[in-house]
Every structure is written in C-alpha cells, then in structure tokens.
N, C-alpha and C. Protein backbone atom coordinates (compact mmCIF):
# COMPACT_ATOMS: atom_id res chain seq x y z
N MET A 1 116.78 92.08 103.24
CA MET A 1 116.56 93.44 102.76
C MET A 1 117.70 93.79 101.81
N GLN A 2 117.36 94.41 100.73
CA GLN A 2 118.33 94.69 99.67
C GLN A 2 118.27 96.18 99.31
N THR A 3 119.41 96.71 98.90
CA THR A 3 119.49 98.10 98.45
C THR A 3 119.92 98.10 96.99
N THR A 4 119.31 98.97 96.19
CA THR A 4 119.66 99.08 94.78
C THR A 4 119.91 100.54 94.43
N LEU A 5 120.68 100.75 93.37
CA LEU A 5 120.99 102.10 92.91
C LEU A 5 120.05 102.49 91.77
N VAL A 6 119.59 103.73 91.81
CA VAL A 6 118.81 104.31 90.72
C VAL A 6 119.44 105.65 90.39
N ILE A 7 119.62 105.91 89.10
CA ILE A 7 120.06 107.23 88.64
C ILE A 7 118.96 107.79 87.76
N PHE A 8 118.47 108.97 88.13
CA PHE A 8 117.58 109.70 87.25
C PHE A 8 118.47 110.43 86.27
N LYS A 9 118.45 109.98 85.02
CA LYS A 9 119.35 110.48 83.99
C LYS A 9 118.98 111.91 83.57
N PRO A 10 119.88 112.58 82.84
CA PRO A 10 119.61 113.96 82.42
C PRO A 10 118.28 114.13 81.68
N ASP A 11 117.89 113.17 80.83
CA ASP A 11 116.60 113.32 80.13
C ASP A 11 115.44 113.33 81.11
N CYS A 12 115.55 112.58 82.19
CA CYS A 12 114.52 112.57 83.24
C CYS A 12 114.48 113.93 83.94
N VAL A 13 115.66 114.44 84.29
CA VAL A 13 115.76 115.73 84.97
C VAL A 13 115.23 116.85 84.08
N LEU A 14 115.68 116.88 82.82
CA LEU A 14 115.27 117.94 81.89
C LEU A 14 113.78 117.91 81.58
N ARG A 15 113.18 116.75 81.59
CA ARG A 15 111.76 116.63 81.29
C ARG A 15 110.88 116.83 82.53
N GLY A 16 111.49 117.03 83.70
CA GLY A 16 110.72 117.27 84.91
C GLY A 16 109.96 116.05 85.40
N LEU A 17 110.55 114.85 85.23
CA LEU A 17 109.89 113.61 85.60
C LEU A 17 110.40 112.99 86.90
N VAL A 18 111.35 113.64 87.56
CA VAL A 18 111.94 113.08 88.78
C VAL A 18 110.87 112.78 89.82
N GLY A 19 110.02 113.75 90.11
CA GLY A 19 109.00 113.57 91.14
C GLY A 19 108.02 112.46 90.81
N GLU A 20 107.58 112.42 89.56
CA GLU A 20 106.62 111.39 89.14
C GLU A 20 107.21 109.99 89.27
N ILE A 21 108.45 109.84 88.84
CA ILE A 21 109.08 108.52 88.89
C ILE A 21 109.43 108.14 90.33
N LEU A 22 109.92 109.09 91.09
CA LEU A 22 110.22 108.82 92.50
C LEU A 22 108.95 108.38 93.23
N ALA A 23 107.84 109.04 92.94
CA ALA A 23 106.56 108.67 93.56
C ALA A 23 106.18 107.23 93.24
N ARG A 24 106.47 106.78 92.04
CA ARG A 24 106.16 105.38 91.68
C ARG A 24 106.92 104.41 92.58
N PHE A 25 108.21 104.69 92.79
CA PHE A 25 109.00 103.81 93.66
C PHE A 25 108.47 103.84 95.09
N GLU A 26 108.15 105.02 95.57
CA GLU A 26 107.63 105.13 96.94
C GLU A 26 106.28 104.45 97.07
N LYS A 27 105.41 104.62 96.10
CA LYS A 27 104.09 103.99 96.16
C LYS A 27 104.20 102.47 96.15
N ARG A 28 105.22 101.97 95.48
CA ARG A 28 105.44 100.51 95.43
C ARG A 28 105.96 99.99 96.76
N GLY A 29 106.52 100.88 97.59
CA GLY A 29 107.01 100.47 98.90
C GLY A 29 108.52 100.45 99.03
N LEU A 30 109.25 100.84 97.98
CA LEU A 30 110.70 100.93 98.10
C LEU A 30 111.04 102.18 98.89
N LYS A 31 111.93 102.03 99.85
CA LYS A 31 112.28 103.12 100.76
C LYS A 31 113.55 103.82 100.32
N ILE A 32 113.53 105.14 100.32
CA ILE A 32 114.71 105.93 100.00
C ILE A 32 115.64 105.90 101.19
N VAL A 33 116.86 105.40 100.99
CA VAL A 33 117.84 105.38 102.07
C VAL A 33 118.98 106.37 101.81
N ALA A 34 119.05 106.92 100.60
CA ALA A 34 120.01 107.98 100.27
C ALA A 34 119.58 108.63 98.96
N ILE A 35 119.82 109.93 98.86
CA ILE A 35 119.49 110.66 97.63
C ILE A 35 120.36 111.90 97.54
N LYS A 36 120.85 112.19 96.33
CA LYS A 36 121.63 113.41 96.12
C LYS A 36 121.66 113.78 94.65
N LYS A 37 121.92 115.05 94.41
CA LYS A 37 122.10 115.57 93.06
C LYS A 37 123.59 115.73 92.84
N MET A 38 124.07 115.31 91.66
CA MET A 38 125.51 115.40 91.41
C MET A 38 125.81 115.47 89.92
N LYS A 39 126.97 116.03 89.62
CA LYS A 39 127.51 115.99 88.27
C LYS A 39 128.38 114.75 88.18
N LEU A 40 128.29 114.04 87.08
CA LEU A 40 129.05 112.81 86.91
C LEU A 40 130.33 113.09 86.12
N SER A 41 131.46 112.74 86.68
CA SER A 41 132.74 112.94 86.00
C SER A 41 132.94 111.85 84.97
N THR A 42 133.81 112.11 84.02
CA THR A 42 134.15 111.12 83.01
C THR A 42 134.75 109.89 83.67
N GLU A 43 135.56 110.10 84.70
CA GLU A 43 136.18 108.97 85.41
C GLU A 43 135.12 108.09 86.06
N LEU A 44 134.15 108.70 86.73
CA LEU A 44 133.10 107.93 87.39
C LEU A 44 132.25 107.19 86.36
N LEU A 45 131.93 107.84 85.26
CA LEU A 45 131.14 107.19 84.22
C LEU A 45 131.91 106.04 83.56
N THR A 46 133.21 106.20 83.39
CA THR A 46 134.03 105.14 82.81
C THR A 46 134.06 103.93 83.74
N GLU A 47 134.12 104.18 85.04
CA GLU A 47 134.06 103.08 86.01
C GLU A 47 132.68 102.44 86.01
N HIS A 48 131.66 103.27 86.04
CA HIS A 48 130.28 102.77 86.16
C HIS A 48 129.85 102.00 84.91
N TYR A 49 130.19 102.50 83.76
CA TYR A 49 129.83 101.84 82.49
C TYR A 49 131.05 101.18 81.87
N GLY A 50 131.94 100.66 82.69
CA GLY A 50 133.19 100.04 82.23
C GLY A 50 132.99 98.93 81.21
N HIS A 51 131.89 98.21 81.32
CA HIS A 51 131.61 97.12 80.38
C HIS A 51 131.29 97.63 78.97
N LEU A 52 131.08 98.95 78.86
CA LEU A 52 130.76 99.55 77.55
C LEU A 52 131.86 100.46 77.01
N LYS A 53 132.94 100.65 77.77
CA LYS A 53 133.92 101.68 77.42
C LYS A 53 134.61 101.46 76.08
N ASP A 54 134.65 100.23 75.57
CA ASP A 54 135.27 99.96 74.28
C ASP A 54 134.28 99.98 73.12
N LYS A 55 133.04 100.26 73.41
CA LYS A 55 132.01 100.30 72.37
C LYS A 55 132.04 101.66 71.66
N PRO A 56 131.72 101.69 70.37
CA PRO A 56 131.76 102.96 69.63
C PRO A 56 130.77 104.01 70.15
N PHE A 57 129.72 103.57 70.82
CA PHE A 57 128.71 104.51 71.31
C PHE A 57 129.01 105.05 72.72
N PHE A 58 130.12 104.58 73.34
CA PHE A 58 130.43 105.00 74.71
C PHE A 58 130.59 106.51 74.86
N PRO A 59 131.29 107.21 73.96
CA PRO A 59 131.39 108.67 74.10
C PRO A 59 130.01 109.35 74.13
N GLY A 60 129.07 108.81 73.40
CA GLY A 60 127.72 109.36 73.40
C GLY A 60 127.03 109.17 74.74
N ILE A 61 127.29 108.03 75.38
CA ILE A 61 126.73 107.80 76.72
C ILE A 61 127.29 108.81 77.70
N VAL A 62 128.60 109.01 77.66
CA VAL A 62 129.24 109.97 78.57
C VAL A 62 128.67 111.36 78.34
N ALA A 63 128.59 111.78 77.09
CA ALA A 63 128.06 113.12 76.79
C ALA A 63 126.62 113.27 77.28
N ALA A 64 125.81 112.25 77.05
CA ALA A 64 124.41 112.31 77.47
C ALA A 64 124.29 112.37 78.99
N MET A 65 125.11 111.61 79.69
CA MET A 65 125.04 111.56 81.15
C MET A 65 125.63 112.81 81.81
N GLN A 66 126.39 113.59 81.05
CA GLN A 66 126.97 114.83 81.60
C GLN A 66 126.21 116.07 81.15
N ARG A 67 125.12 115.90 80.43
CA ARG A 67 124.34 117.03 79.93
C ARG A 67 123.85 117.93 81.07
N THR A 68 123.41 117.31 82.16
CA THR A 68 122.97 118.04 83.36
C THR A 68 123.38 117.21 84.57
N PRO A 69 123.31 117.80 85.75
CA PRO A 69 123.45 116.96 86.94
C PRO A 69 122.34 115.91 86.96
N VAL A 70 122.60 114.82 87.66
CA VAL A 70 121.64 113.73 87.79
C VAL A 70 121.20 113.63 89.25
N ILE A 71 120.14 112.88 89.47
CA ILE A 71 119.71 112.55 90.82
C ILE A 71 120.04 111.09 91.04
N VAL A 72 120.80 110.81 92.10
CA VAL A 72 121.21 109.44 92.41
C VAL A 72 120.55 109.04 93.72
N LEU A 73 119.96 107.85 93.74
CA LEU A 73 119.36 107.41 94.99
C LEU A 73 119.58 105.93 95.23
N ALA A 74 119.51 105.58 96.48
CA ALA A 74 119.56 104.18 96.90
C ALA A 74 118.19 103.86 97.48
N LEU A 75 117.61 102.77 96.98
CA LEU A 75 116.30 102.32 97.43
C LEU A 75 116.44 100.98 98.12
N ARG A 76 115.70 100.79 99.21
CA ARG A 76 115.79 99.55 99.97
C ARG A 76 114.42 98.88 100.05
N GLY A 77 114.46 97.56 99.94
CA GLY A 77 113.26 96.75 100.08
C GLY A 77 113.60 95.29 99.81
N VAL A 78 112.65 94.41 100.03
CA VAL A 78 112.85 93.01 99.72
C VAL A 78 112.96 92.89 98.19
N ASN A 79 114.04 92.26 97.73
CA ASN A 79 114.31 92.10 96.29
C ASN A 79 114.27 93.44 95.55
N ALA A 80 114.84 94.48 96.14
CA ALA A 80 114.75 95.84 95.60
C ALA A 80 115.25 95.95 94.17
N ALA A 81 116.35 95.31 93.83
CA ALA A 81 116.90 95.41 92.47
C ALA A 81 115.92 94.84 91.45
N GLU A 82 115.39 93.67 91.72
CA GLU A 82 114.45 93.03 90.80
C GLU A 82 113.15 93.84 90.68
N VAL A 83 112.64 94.29 91.81
CA VAL A 83 111.40 95.07 91.80
C VAL A 83 111.57 96.36 91.00
N ALA A 84 112.67 97.09 91.25
CA ALA A 84 112.90 98.36 90.56
C ALA A 84 113.10 98.15 89.06
N ARG A 85 113.81 97.09 88.68
CA ARG A 85 114.02 96.83 87.24
C ARG A 85 112.72 96.47 86.54
N LYS A 86 111.88 95.70 87.20
CA LYS A 86 110.58 95.38 86.60
C LYS A 86 109.75 96.64 86.44
N MET A 87 109.83 97.53 87.41
CA MET A 87 109.09 98.79 87.33
C MET A 87 109.60 99.64 86.17
N ALA A 88 110.91 99.61 85.91
CA ALA A 88 111.51 100.43 84.85
C ALA A 88 111.12 99.94 83.47
N GLY A 89 111.08 98.64 83.28
CA GLY A 89 110.78 98.09 81.96
C GLY A 89 112.04 97.88 81.15
N ALA A 90 111.88 97.45 79.91
CA ALA A 90 113.00 97.12 79.03
C ALA A 90 113.91 98.33 78.83
N THR A 91 115.22 98.07 78.71
CA THR A 91 116.20 99.14 78.49
C THR A 91 115.87 99.96 77.26
N ASN A 92 115.50 99.30 76.18
CA ASN A 92 115.05 100.01 75.00
C ASN A 92 113.59 100.37 75.26
N ALA A 93 113.35 101.63 75.54
CA ALA A 93 112.02 102.06 75.96
C ALA A 93 110.94 101.74 74.93
N ARG A 94 111.30 101.64 73.66
CA ARG A 94 110.31 101.28 72.64
C ARG A 94 109.79 99.87 72.83
N ASP A 95 110.56 99.03 73.54
CA ASP A 95 110.15 97.65 73.80
C ASP A 95 109.53 97.48 75.19
N ALA A 96 109.51 98.54 75.98
CA ALA A 96 109.02 98.44 77.36
C ALA A 96 107.50 98.34 77.39
N GLU A 97 107.01 97.53 78.29
CA GLU A 97 105.57 97.33 78.44
C GLU A 97 104.90 98.59 78.98
N VAL A 98 103.70 98.85 78.50
CA VAL A 98 102.87 99.91 79.06
C VAL A 98 102.68 99.59 80.54
N GLY A 99 102.74 100.61 81.38
CA GLY A 99 102.63 100.43 82.81
C GLY A 99 103.97 100.52 83.52
N THR A 100 105.06 100.32 82.74
CA THR A 100 106.39 100.50 83.31
C THR A 100 106.80 101.96 83.14
N ILE A 101 107.84 102.36 83.84
CA ILE A 101 108.32 103.74 83.75
C ILE A 101 108.70 104.07 82.31
N ARG A 102 109.52 103.24 81.71
CA ARG A 102 109.96 103.50 80.33
C ARG A 102 108.82 103.31 79.34
N GLY A 103 107.97 102.33 79.56
CA GLY A 103 106.85 102.09 78.66
C GLY A 103 105.85 103.22 78.64
N ASP A 104 105.73 103.91 79.75
CA ASP A 104 104.78 105.03 79.84
C ASP A 104 105.39 106.38 79.48
N LEU A 105 106.71 106.53 79.68
CA LEU A 105 107.29 107.87 79.64
C LEU A 105 108.47 108.06 78.69
N ALA A 106 108.93 107.02 78.00
CA ALA A 106 110.13 107.16 77.16
C ALA A 106 109.96 106.40 75.85
N VAL A 107 110.81 106.73 74.87
CA VAL A 107 110.79 106.04 73.57
C VAL A 107 112.20 105.75 73.04
N SER A 108 113.23 105.89 73.86
CA SER A 108 114.61 105.79 73.40
C SER A 108 115.36 104.69 74.14
N ILE A 109 116.42 104.18 73.52
CA ILE A 109 117.28 103.22 74.21
C ILE A 109 118.28 103.94 75.11
N GLN A 110 118.79 105.10 74.67
CA GLN A 110 119.76 105.84 75.49
C GLN A 110 119.05 106.80 76.45
N ASN A 111 118.11 107.56 75.95
CA ASN A 111 117.36 108.49 76.80
C ASN A 111 116.16 107.75 77.38
N ASN A 112 116.47 106.82 78.27
CA ASN A 112 115.44 105.95 78.83
C ASN A 112 115.16 106.24 80.30
N LEU A 113 115.46 107.46 80.72
CA LEU A 113 115.07 108.06 82.00
C LEU A 113 115.84 107.61 83.22
N VAL A 114 116.07 106.30 83.38
CA VAL A 114 116.67 105.82 84.62
C VAL A 114 117.71 104.74 84.36
N HIS A 115 118.72 104.72 85.22
CA HIS A 115 119.62 103.57 85.32
C HIS A 115 119.23 102.87 86.61
N ILE A 116 119.13 101.56 86.56
CA ILE A 116 118.86 100.76 87.76
C ILE A 116 119.81 99.58 87.76
N SER A 117 120.37 99.28 88.90
CA SER A 117 121.29 98.13 89.02
C SER A 117 120.63 96.89 88.45
N ASP A 118 121.42 96.09 87.73
CA ASP A 118 120.84 94.93 87.05
C ASP A 118 120.80 93.65 87.88
N SER A 119 121.36 93.68 89.09
CA SER A 119 121.34 92.49 89.95
C SER A 119 121.69 92.93 91.37
N PRO A 120 121.40 92.09 92.34
CA PRO A 120 121.81 92.42 93.71
C PRO A 120 123.32 92.61 93.85
N GLU A 121 124.08 91.82 93.10
CA GLU A 121 125.54 91.93 93.15
C GLU A 121 126.01 93.27 92.58
N SER A 122 125.47 93.65 91.44
CA SER A 122 125.80 94.96 90.85
C SER A 122 125.35 96.08 91.76
N ALA A 123 124.18 95.92 92.35
CA ALA A 123 123.63 96.96 93.23
C ALA A 123 124.58 97.24 94.39
N GLU A 124 125.11 96.20 94.98
CA GLU A 124 126.03 96.37 96.12
C GLU A 124 127.25 97.19 95.71
N ILE A 125 127.81 96.89 94.56
CA ILE A 125 128.98 97.62 94.05
C ILE A 125 128.60 99.06 93.69
N GLU A 126 127.49 99.22 92.99
CA GLU A 126 127.09 100.54 92.50
C GLU A 126 126.70 101.47 93.64
N VAL A 127 125.99 100.98 94.63
CA VAL A 127 125.61 101.83 95.77
C VAL A 127 126.87 102.36 96.45
N LYS A 128 127.88 101.51 96.63
CA LYS A 128 129.14 101.94 97.25
C LYS A 128 129.90 102.92 96.36
N ARG A 129 129.70 102.84 95.06
CA ARG A 129 130.36 103.76 94.12
C ARG A 129 129.83 105.18 94.30
N PHE A 130 128.58 105.32 94.63
CA PHE A 130 127.95 106.64 94.69
C PHE A 130 127.67 107.16 96.10
N PHE A 131 127.66 106.29 97.10
CA PHE A 131 127.34 106.71 98.47
C PHE A 131 128.32 106.10 99.47
N THR A 132 128.64 106.87 100.49
CA THR A 132 129.40 106.34 101.62
C THR A 132 128.42 105.64 102.56
N ALA A 133 128.93 104.79 103.42
CA ALA A 133 128.08 104.09 104.38
C ALA A 133 127.32 105.08 105.26
N GLU A 134 127.96 106.20 105.57
CA GLU A 134 127.33 107.21 106.43
C GLU A 134 126.14 107.90 105.75
N GLU A 135 126.11 107.91 104.43
CA GLU A 135 125.02 108.55 103.70
C GLU A 135 123.77 107.69 103.62
N LEU A 136 123.90 106.41 103.91
CA LEU A 136 122.76 105.49 103.83
C LEU A 136 122.04 105.46 105.18
N VAL A 137 120.74 105.75 105.16
CA VAL A 137 119.95 105.81 106.39
C VAL A 137 118.87 104.73 106.32
N ASP A 138 118.96 103.75 107.20
CA ASP A 138 118.00 102.65 107.21
C ASP A 138 116.59 103.14 107.52
N PRO A 139 115.58 102.56 106.87
CA PRO A 139 114.20 102.90 107.22
C PRO A 139 113.88 102.38 108.62
N ALA A 140 112.99 103.07 109.30
CA ALA A 140 112.59 102.66 110.65
C ALA A 140 111.79 101.36 110.58
N ASP A 141 111.85 100.58 111.65
CA ASP A 141 111.13 99.30 111.70
C ASP A 141 109.64 99.48 111.43
N GLU A 142 109.06 100.58 111.94
CA GLU A 142 107.62 100.78 111.74
C GLU A 142 107.29 101.06 110.26
N GLU A 143 108.23 101.65 109.52
CA GLU A 143 108.01 101.84 108.09
C GLU A 143 107.94 100.50 107.38
N LEU A 144 108.85 99.62 107.74
CA LEU A 144 108.91 98.32 107.08
C LEU A 144 107.76 97.42 107.51
N GLY A 145 107.29 97.59 108.73
CA GLY A 145 106.20 96.76 109.26
C GLY A 145 104.89 96.93 108.52
N VAL A 146 104.68 98.07 107.87
CA VAL A 146 103.44 98.25 107.10
C VAL A 146 103.59 97.70 105.68
N LEU A 147 104.81 97.34 105.29
CA LEU A 147 105.06 96.81 103.94
C LEU A 147 105.21 95.31 103.89
N TYR A 148 105.86 94.74 104.92
CA TYR A 148 106.22 93.34 104.89
C TYR A 148 105.77 92.65 106.17
N SER A 149 105.55 91.34 106.06
CA SER A 149 105.31 90.53 107.26
C SER A 149 106.64 90.31 107.97
N LYS A 150 106.58 89.92 109.22
CA LYS A 150 107.83 89.64 109.98
C LYS A 150 108.64 88.56 109.31
N ASP A 151 107.98 87.58 108.73
CA ASP A 151 108.68 86.49 108.04
C ASP A 151 109.50 86.99 106.86
N GLU A 152 108.97 87.97 106.14
CA GLU A 152 109.68 88.51 104.99
C GLU A 152 110.91 89.32 105.41
N LEU A 153 110.88 89.89 106.58
CA LEU A 153 111.98 90.72 107.04
C LEU A 153 113.11 89.92 107.68
N ASN A 154 112.85 88.68 108.01
CA ASN A 154 113.90 87.87 108.68
C ASN A 154 114.60 86.96 107.71
C-alpha cells in the first residue's frame, strides 16, 4: 500500500474544481488518508520545489502557488503515485490526453490544477513535508476489501 501527495493548486481552487477532481480520485478507489487547506509559505515552496529554485521561472511558481490557500491531501492505494499521475495527465496540460484531469480541465503548464508526487520515493518525502504521522488515518480493512483482492494487499 502506498501513499502519495496531491496539492489542489490555486487555479483549481479558484475555478471551483476541487470537488470534481477529488471525486475522480475517490471513484478510482484511492482513499483519502489526510486532507487540509493551507497557505504555502515561501520557505515551504522553496523546499518543495527545490529542484526548480535556480530557474528563472521559479518566482512565478511561488507567486502562483501563493495566490490562494491550497488543498493538500494524501491518497492511499496500491501504486497510488503512479495511478494518480496517470489520472492527472501530462504536466503541460496542452499535451495531456483527453480523459485525464489536465486533459479535460486545463490548458496551461503552470496552471495545471494539481501537483502529484512523481514517484513513490518523492511521495514518501512530500507526504511527510505536509502532514504529521498523526494526521494520516489509515482506511479501514473493509474499505480496502472492496477495492483489492487479499493478494494485492499483502
């Protein structure tokens, strides 16, 4: 079982798409194990997007991510990071396939609605960056039993 981080970015919040996108994840079977609304500090964004901090467009990312509070959630499921990224589609929404979140609802590379961890390793780091262990609530066994076979859960 894997947990991944999703951030509903300010463009998602401002456009009123949080519920629609959250419903897609839930319908797919990913379980919400933590969720909160928060303002992102420059320090947190610099840590989170550290691989981009020396790029000329980094100040624009910070400004865009601080436009409004965001919704941050942790989703759990088998291969959760891979499943959620496939659901999101290409980072540049203009290249995203129809049927994906970005392919259906966005047209921008920066205002692309969601951030999703790019790997299980990144997900582990990112979830800890935004949530304490106490904030993560495991789904009940009966919830998982309707999604996966026993073999998949072991």
